[in-house]
Amino acid sequence: MNDARRIVKRIFWALLWIGAGALILLANYGLVPYQFSFHRDWPVALVLVGISKLIDAIG
């Protein structure tokens, strides 16, 4: 069960990063109305690291 949970967690994070990258890529091409600004959006990285640590602590 522990191995299955680890696999699901890795898949979740992989899909999250892929989705975030796809959103930024589409925004760079002007296909979605979102403009990525590192100065504005950098705290998201801290939130993602914190969530990752929380999931590791719970699991």
Protein backbone atom coordinates (compact mmCIF):
# COMPACT_ATOMS: atom_id res chain seq x y z
CA MET A 1 0.00 0.00 0.00
CA ASN A 2 2.84 2.36 0.80
CA ASP A 3 4.41 1.84 -2.63
CA ALA A 4 1.09 2.53 -4.36
CA ARG A 5 0.64 5.74 -2.41
CA ARG A 6 4.16 6.87 -3.33
CA ILE A 7 3.48 6.21 -7.01
CA VAL A 8 0.20 8.14 -6.92
CA LYS A 9 1.93 11.05 -5.20
CA ARG A 10 4.69 11.14 -7.81
CA ILE A 11 2.15 11.03 -10.63
CA PHE A 12 0.18 13.86 -9.02
CA TRP A 13 3.23 16.12 -8.75
CA ALA A 14 4.35 15.26 -12.26
CA LEU A 15 0.95 16.20 -13.65
CA LEU A 16 0.92 19.39 -11.58
CA TRP A 17 4.29 20.50 -12.97
CA ILE A 18 3.28 19.54 -16.50
CA GLY A 19 0.07 21.55 -16.15
CA ALA A 20 1.88 24.58 -14.78
CA GLY A 21 4.46 24.42 -17.55
CA ALA A 22 1.77 24.04 -20.19
CA LEU A 23 -0.12 27.04 -18.82
CA ILE A 24 2.99 29.22 -18.92
CA LEU A 25 3.87 27.97 -22.41
CA LEU A 26 0.38 28.68 -23.75
CA ALA A 27 0.44 32.10 -22.10
CA ASN A 28 3.77 32.88 -23.77
CA TYR A 29 2.20 32.11 -27.15
CA GLY A 30 -0.83 34.27 -26.31
CA LEU A 31 -3.28 31.35 -26.41
CA VAL A 32 -4.54 31.87 -22.85
CA PRO A 33 -5.12 35.22 -21.17
CA TYR A 34 -2.46 34.85 -18.49
CA GLN A 35 0.83 36.65 -18.22
CA PHE A 36 3.49 34.98 -16.13
CA SER A 37 5.55 37.39 -14.11
CA PHE A 38 8.30 35.99 -11.93
CA HIS A 39 8.14 39.02 -9.66
CA ARG A 40 4.44 38.43 -9.09
CA ASP A 41 4.21 34.63 -9.18
CA TRP A 42 7.34 33.40 -7.37
CA PRO A 43 5.52 32.68 -4.07
CA VAL A 44 3.71 29.84 -5.84
CA ALA A 45 7.00 27.92 -5.74
CA LEU A 46 7.09 28.27 -1.95
CA VAL A 47 3.50 27.09 -1.65
CA LEU A 48 4.24 24.03 -3.81
CA VAL A 49 7.30 23.13 -1.75
CA GLY A 50 5.28 23.54 1.44
CA ILE A 51 2.49 21.31 0.15
CA SER A 52 5.05 18.72 -0.89
CA LYS A 53 6.60 18.73 2.58
CA LEU A 54 3.15 18.46 4.17
CA ILE A 55 2.25 15.47 2.04
CA ASP A 56 5.57 13.83 2.91
CA ALA A 57 4.94 14.41 6.62
CA ILE A 58 1.42 12.99 6.46
CA GLY A 59 2.33 10.00 4.29
